[in-house]
Protein backbone atom coordinates (compact mmCIF):
# COMPACT_ATOMS: atom_id res chain seq x y z
CA UNK A 1 0.00 0.00 0.00
CA UNK A 2 1.19 3.51 -0.80
CA UNK A 3 -0.11 6.80 0.55
CA UNK A 4 0.71 10.22 -0.87
CA UNK A 5 0.82 12.70 2.00
CA UNK A 6 1.62 16.20 3.03
CA UNK A 7 2.71 15.84 6.69
CA UNK A 8 1.18 19.24 7.50
CA UNK A 9 -2.27 18.09 6.37
CA UNK A 10 -4.69 16.95 9.08
CA UNK A 11 -6.54 14.61 6.67
CA UNK A 12 -3.21 12.93 5.84
CA UNK A 13 -2.31 12.51 9.49
CA UNK A 14 -5.77 11.09 10.17
CA UNK A 15 -5.42 8.60 7.30
CA UNK A 16 -2.02 7.49 8.58
CA UNK A 17 -3.50 6.96 12.05
CA UNK A 18 -6.25 4.78 10.60
CA UNK A 19 -3.72 2.70 8.66
CA UNK A 20 -1.53 2.35 11.77
CA UNK A 21 -4.54 1.38 13.87
CA UNK A 22 -5.43 -1.29 11.31
CA UNK A 23 -1.89 -2.66 11.45
CA UNK A 24 -1.34 -2.57 7.70
CA UNK A 25 2.03 -1.91 6.14
CA UNK A 26 2.36 1.01 3.78
CA UNK A 27 4.88 3.27 2.12
CA UNK A 28 4.63 7.01 2.59
CA UNK A 29 5.31 9.26 -0.35
CA UNK A 30 5.74 12.88 0.55
CA UNK A 31 4.49 14.03 -2.79
CA UNK A 32 5.53 17.66 -2.28
CA UNK A 33 9.15 16.52 -1.95
CA UNK A 34 8.86 13.77 -4.56
CA UNK A 35 6.19 14.98 -6.99
CA UNK A 36 4.46 12.43 -9.18
CA UNK A 37 5.19 12.47 -12.87
CA UNK A 38 2.51 13.12 -15.45
CA UNK A 39 2.46 9.37 -16.17
CA UNK A 40 2.05 8.52 -12.46
CA UNK A 41 -0.77 11.03 -12.10
CA UNK A 42 -2.47 9.67 -15.20
CA UNK A 43 -2.25 6.11 -13.85
CA UNK A 44 -3.63 7.14 -10.44
CA UNK A 45 -6.47 9.05 -12.06
CA UNK A 46 -7.38 6.05 -14.20
CA UNK A 47 -7.56 3.89 -11.07
CA UNK A 48 -9.64 6.55 -9.34
CA UNK A 49 -11.92 6.91 -12.37
CA UNK A 50 -11.40 10.68 -12.21
CA UNK A 51 -10.00 13.48 -14.31
CA UNK A 52 -7.20 15.85 -13.22
CA UNK A 53 -9.60 18.71 -12.46
CA UNK A 54 -11.46 16.40 -10.06
CA UNK A 55 -8.44 16.24 -7.73
CA UNK A 56 -7.21 19.81 -8.18
CA UNK A 57 -7.21 22.08 -5.14
CA UNK A 58 -8.68 25.17 -6.78
CA UNK A 59 -8.28 27.49 -3.79
CA UNK A 60 -4.52 27.07 -3.42
CA UNK A 61 -2.61 30.31 -4.17
CA UNK A 62 -0.80 28.55 -7.03
CA UNK A 63 -4.16 27.56 -8.56
CA UNK A 64 -5.39 31.11 -8.36
CA UNK A 65 -2.13 32.38 -9.88
CA UNK A 66 -2.41 29.89 -12.75
CA UNK A 67 -6.09 30.64 -13.22
CA UNK A 68 -6.92 26.94 -13.48
CA UNK A 69 -10.44 27.45 -12.19
CA UNK A 70 -11.29 28.94 -15.58
CA UNK A 71 -9.51 26.29 -17.67
CA UNK A 72 -11.71 24.10 -19.85
CA UNK A 73 -12.37 20.66 -18.42
CA UNK A 74 -12.28 18.39 -21.40
CA UNK A 75 -10.13 15.75 -23.10
CA UNK A 76 -8.37 18.41 -25.18
CA UNK A 77 -7.00 20.13 -22.05
CA UNK A 78 -6.40 17.01 -19.94
CA UNK A 79 -2.63 17.06 -20.61
CA UNK A 80 -2.44 20.72 -19.60
CA UNK A 81 -4.09 19.84 -16.28
CA UNK A 82 -1.81 16.84 -15.71
CA UNK A 83 1.27 18.96 -16.38
CA UNK A 84 0.07 21.66 -13.98
CA UNK A 85 -0.49 19.11 -11.21
CA UNK A 86 2.91 17.51 -11.80
CA UNK A 87 4.66 20.89 -11.79
CA UNK A 88 2.65 22.22 -8.83
CA UNK A 89 2.01 19.23 -6.55
CA UNK A 90 0.39 21.46 -3.88
CA UNK A 91 -2.60 21.45 -6.23
CA UNK A 92 -3.15 17.70 -5.78
CA UNK A 93 -5.93 16.65 -3.42
CA UNK A 94 -4.65 14.51 -0.57
CA UNK A 95 -4.13 11.93 0.74
CA UNK A 96 -4.22 9.51 -2.16
CA UNK A 97 -4.00 5.87 -1.12
CA UNK A 98 -3.31 2.94 -3.44
CA UNK A 99 -3.92 -0.49 -1.95
CA UNK A 100 -1.86 -3.52 -2.88
CA UNK A 101 -4.65 -4.71 -5.20
CA UNK A 102 -4.53 -1.41 -7.12
CA UNK A 103 -7.67 0.05 -5.57
CA UNK A 104 -7.10 3.79 -5.20
CA UNK A 105 -8.99 6.41 -3.18
CA UNK A 106 -8.69 10.01 -2.16
CA UNK A 107 -8.69 9.36 1.58
CA UNK A 108 -10.33 12.52 2.87
CA UNK A 109 -12.85 10.61 4.95
CA UNK A 110 -12.47 7.74 7.39
CA UNK A 111 -14.80 5.66 5.22
CA UNK A 112 -12.62 6.20 2.13
CA UNK A 113 -9.47 5.17 4.01
CA UNK A 114 -11.13 2.09 5.49
CA UNK A 115 -12.42 1.07 2.04
CA UNK A 116 -8.89 0.10 0.97
CA UNK A 117 -8.06 -1.93 4.06
CA UNK A 118 -7.69 -5.67 3.53
C-alpha atoms as a PDB file:
ATOM      1  CA  UNK A   1       0.000   0.000   0.000  1.00  0.00           C
ATOM      2  CA  UNK A   2       1.195   3.506  -0.796  1.00  0.00           C
ATOM      3  CA  UNK A   3      -0.110   6.801   0.551  1.00  0.00           C
ATOM      4  CA  UNK A   4       0.711  10.225  -0.866  1.00  0.00           C
ATOM      5  CA  UNK A   5       0.818  12.701   1.995  1.00  0.00           C
ATOM      6  CA  UNK A   6       1.624  16.204   3.031  1.00  0.00           C
ATOM      7  CA  UNK A   7       2.709  15.845   6.690  1.00  0.00           C
ATOM      8  CA  UNK A   8       1.183  19.240   7.497  1.00  0.00           C
ATOM      9  CA  UNK A   9      -2.274  18.090   6.367  1.00  0.00           C
ATOM     10  CA  UNK A  10      -4.691  16.954   9.082  1.00  0.00           C
ATOM     11  CA  UNK A  11      -6.535  14.612   6.666  1.00  0.00           C
ATOM     12  CA  UNK A  12      -3.213  12.934   5.840  1.00  0.00           C
ATOM     13  CA  UNK A  13      -2.313  12.512   9.493  1.00  0.00           C
ATOM     14  CA  UNK A  14      -5.766  11.087  10.173  1.00  0.00           C
ATOM     15  CA  UNK A  15      -5.418   8.596   7.298  1.00  0.00           C
ATOM     16  CA  UNK A  16      -2.015   7.489   8.582  1.00  0.00           C
ATOM     17  CA  UNK A  17      -3.501   6.957  12.053  1.00  0.00           C
ATOM     18  CA  UNK A  18      -6.255   4.777  10.604  1.00  0.00           C
ATOM     19  CA  UNK A  19      -3.723   2.701   8.663  1.00  0.00           C
ATOM     20  CA  UNK A  20      -1.531   2.349  11.775  1.00  0.00           C
ATOM     21  CA  UNK A  21      -4.540   1.384  13.871  1.00  0.00           C
ATOM     22  CA  UNK A  22      -5.434  -1.293  11.306  1.00  0.00           C
ATOM     23  CA  UNK A  23      -1.887  -2.663  11.446  1.00  0.00           C
ATOM     24  CA  UNK A  24      -1.341  -2.567   7.702  1.00  0.00           C
ATOM     25  CA  UNK A  25       2.035  -1.911   6.141  1.00  0.00           C
ATOM     26  CA  UNK A  26       2.363   1.014   3.783  1.00  0.00           C
ATOM     27  CA  UNK A  27       4.876   3.275   2.116  1.00  0.00           C
ATOM     28  CA  UNK A  28       4.631   7.015   2.590  1.00  0.00           C
ATOM     29  CA  UNK A  29       5.307   9.258  -0.350  1.00  0.00           C
ATOM     30  CA  UNK A  30       5.736  12.882   0.553  1.00  0.00           C
ATOM     31  CA  UNK A  31       4.488  14.031  -2.790  1.00  0.00           C
ATOM     32  CA  UNK A  32       5.531  17.658  -2.282  1.00  0.00           C
ATOM     33  CA  UNK A  33       9.151  16.518  -1.947  1.00  0.00           C
ATOM     34  CA  UNK A  34       8.862  13.768  -4.560  1.00  0.00           C
ATOM     35  CA  UNK A  35       6.195  14.985  -6.991  1.00  0.00           C
ATOM     36  CA  UNK A  36       4.460  12.433  -9.175  1.00  0.00           C
ATOM     37  CA  UNK A  37       5.186  12.469 -12.866  1.00  0.00           C
ATOM     38  CA  UNK A  38       2.509  13.115 -15.451  1.00  0.00           C
ATOM     39  CA  UNK A  39       2.463   9.369 -16.168  1.00  0.00           C
ATOM     40  CA  UNK A  40       2.054   8.522 -12.463  1.00  0.00           C
ATOM     41  CA  UNK A  41      -0.768  11.030 -12.104  1.00  0.00           C
ATOM     42  CA  UNK A  42      -2.468   9.670 -15.203  1.00  0.00           C
ATOM     43  CA  UNK A  43      -2.250   6.108 -13.853  1.00  0.00           C
ATOM     44  CA  UNK A  44      -3.635   7.136 -10.442  1.00  0.00           C
ATOM     45  CA  UNK A  45      -6.475   9.055 -12.063  1.00  0.00           C
ATOM     46  CA  UNK A  46      -7.384   6.049 -14.202  1.00  0.00           C
ATOM     47  CA  UNK A  47      -7.560   3.888 -11.068  1.00  0.00           C
ATOM     48  CA  UNK A  48      -9.645   6.551  -9.344  1.00  0.00           C
ATOM     49  CA  UNK A  49     -11.922   6.913 -12.372  1.00  0.00           C
ATOM     50  CA  UNK A  50     -11.403  10.680 -12.213  1.00  0.00           C
ATOM     51  CA  UNK A  51      -9.996  13.485 -14.312  1.00  0.00           C
ATOM     52  CA  UNK A  52      -7.200  15.849 -13.220  1.00  0.00           C
ATOM     53  CA  UNK A  53      -9.605  18.706 -12.461  1.00  0.00           C
ATOM     54  CA  UNK A  54     -11.461  16.404 -10.056  1.00  0.00           C
ATOM     55  CA  UNK A  55      -8.437  16.237  -7.728  1.00  0.00           C
ATOM     56  CA  UNK A  56      -7.208  19.811  -8.183  1.00  0.00           C
ATOM     57  CA  UNK A  57      -7.207  22.076  -5.144  1.00  0.00           C
ATOM     58  CA  UNK A  58      -8.684  25.165  -6.783  1.00  0.00           C
ATOM     59  CA  UNK A  59      -8.283  27.492  -3.790  1.00  0.00           C
ATOM     60  CA  UNK A  60      -4.519  27.073  -3.423  1.00  0.00           C
ATOM     61  CA  UNK A  61      -2.605  30.308  -4.172  1.00  0.00           C
ATOM     62  CA  UNK A  62      -0.802  28.552  -7.032  1.00  0.00           C
ATOM     63  CA  UNK A  63      -4.157  27.556  -8.555  1.00  0.00           C
ATOM     64  CA  UNK A  64      -5.386  31.115  -8.363  1.00  0.00           C
ATOM     65  CA  UNK A  65      -2.134  32.376  -9.876  1.00  0.00           C
ATOM     66  CA  UNK A  66      -2.406  29.885 -12.753  1.00  0.00           C
ATOM     67  CA  UNK A  67      -6.091  30.637 -13.215  1.00  0.00           C
ATOM     68  CA  UNK A  68      -6.924  26.937 -13.480  1.00  0.00           C
ATOM     69  CA  UNK A  69     -10.443  27.447 -12.185  1.00  0.00           C
ATOM     70  CA  UNK A  70     -11.291  28.938 -15.576  1.00  0.00           C
ATOM     71  CA  UNK A  71      -9.511  26.289 -17.667  1.00  0.00           C
ATOM     72  CA  UNK A  72     -11.712  24.100 -19.847  1.00  0.00           C
ATOM     73  CA  UNK A  73     -12.374  20.658 -18.421  1.00  0.00           C
ATOM     74  CA  UNK A  74     -12.281  18.389 -21.404  1.00  0.00           C
ATOM     75  CA  UNK A  75     -10.134  15.755 -23.102  1.00  0.00           C
ATOM     76  CA  UNK A  76      -8.367  18.406 -25.185  1.00  0.00           C
ATOM     77  CA  UNK A  77      -7.003  20.127 -22.050  1.00  0.00           C
ATOM     78  CA  UNK A  78      -6.400  17.013 -19.941  1.00  0.00           C
ATOM     79  CA  UNK A  79      -2.630  17.056 -20.612  1.00  0.00           C
ATOM     80  CA  UNK A  80      -2.441  20.718 -19.603  1.00  0.00           C
ATOM     81  CA  UNK A  81      -4.094  19.845 -16.282  1.00  0.00           C
ATOM     82  CA  UNK A  82      -1.809  16.843 -15.713  1.00  0.00           C
ATOM     83  CA  UNK A  83       1.267  18.956 -16.382  1.00  0.00           C
ATOM     84  CA  UNK A  84       0.069  21.664 -13.985  1.00  0.00           C
ATOM     85  CA  UNK A  85      -0.495  19.105 -11.213  1.00  0.00           C
ATOM     86  CA  UNK A  86       2.912  17.512 -11.797  1.00  0.00           C
ATOM     87  CA  UNK A  87       4.656  20.893 -11.795  1.00  0.00           C
ATOM     88  CA  UNK A  88       2.650  22.221  -8.829  1.00  0.00           C
ATOM     89  CA  UNK A  89       2.009  19.230  -6.546  1.00  0.00           C
ATOM     90  CA  UNK A  90       0.392  21.457  -3.882  1.00  0.00           C
ATOM     91  CA  UNK A  91      -2.595  21.455  -6.226  1.00  0.00           C
ATOM     92  CA  UNK A  92      -3.152  17.696  -5.777  1.00  0.00           C
ATOM     93  CA  UNK A  93      -5.930  16.653  -3.416  1.00  0.00           C
ATOM     94  CA  UNK A  94      -4.649  14.511  -0.568  1.00  0.00           C
ATOM     95  CA  UNK A  95      -4.132  11.931   0.741  1.00  0.00           C
ATOM     96  CA  UNK A  96      -4.219   9.513  -2.162  1.00  0.00           C
ATOM     97  CA  UNK A  97      -4.001   5.867  -1.125  1.00  0.00           C
ATOM     98  CA  UNK A  98      -3.306   2.943  -3.443  1.00  0.00           C
ATOM     99  CA  UNK A  99      -3.920  -0.486  -1.953  1.00  0.00           C
ATOM    100  CA  UNK A 100      -1.861  -3.525  -2.880  1.00  0.00           C
ATOM    101  CA  UNK A 101      -4.653  -4.715  -5.198  1.00  0.00           C
ATOM    102  CA  UNK A 102      -4.530  -1.406  -7.116  1.00  0.00           C
ATOM    103  CA  UNK A 103      -7.668   0.054  -5.569  1.00  0.00           C
ATOM    104  CA  UNK A 104      -7.103   3.787  -5.196  1.00  0.00           C
ATOM    105  CA  UNK A 105      -8.986   6.407  -3.179  1.00  0.00           C
ATOM    106  CA  UNK A 106      -8.694  10.009  -2.155  1.00  0.00           C
ATOM    107  CA  UNK A 107      -8.686   9.364   1.584  1.00  0.00           C
ATOM    108  CA  UNK A 108     -10.326  12.524   2.870  1.00  0.00           C
ATOM    109  CA  UNK A 109     -12.853  10.605   4.953  1.00  0.00           C
ATOM    110  CA  UNK A 110     -12.466   7.745   7.388  1.00  0.00           C
ATOM    111  CA  UNK A 111     -14.797   5.658   5.221  1.00  0.00           C
ATOM    112  CA  UNK A 112     -12.620   6.199   2.131  1.00  0.00           C
ATOM    113  CA  UNK A 113      -9.472   5.170   4.011  1.00  0.00           C
ATOM    114  CA  UNK A 114     -11.133   2.090   5.488  1.00  0.00           C
ATOM    115  CA  UNK A 115     -12.418   1.070   2.043  1.00  0.00           C
ATOM    116  CA  UNK A 116      -8.887   0.097   0.966  1.00  0.00           C
ATOM    117  CA  UNK A 117      -8.055  -1.933   4.064  1.00  0.00           C
ATOM    118  CA  UNK A 118      -7.693  -5.670   3.527  1.00  0.00           C
END
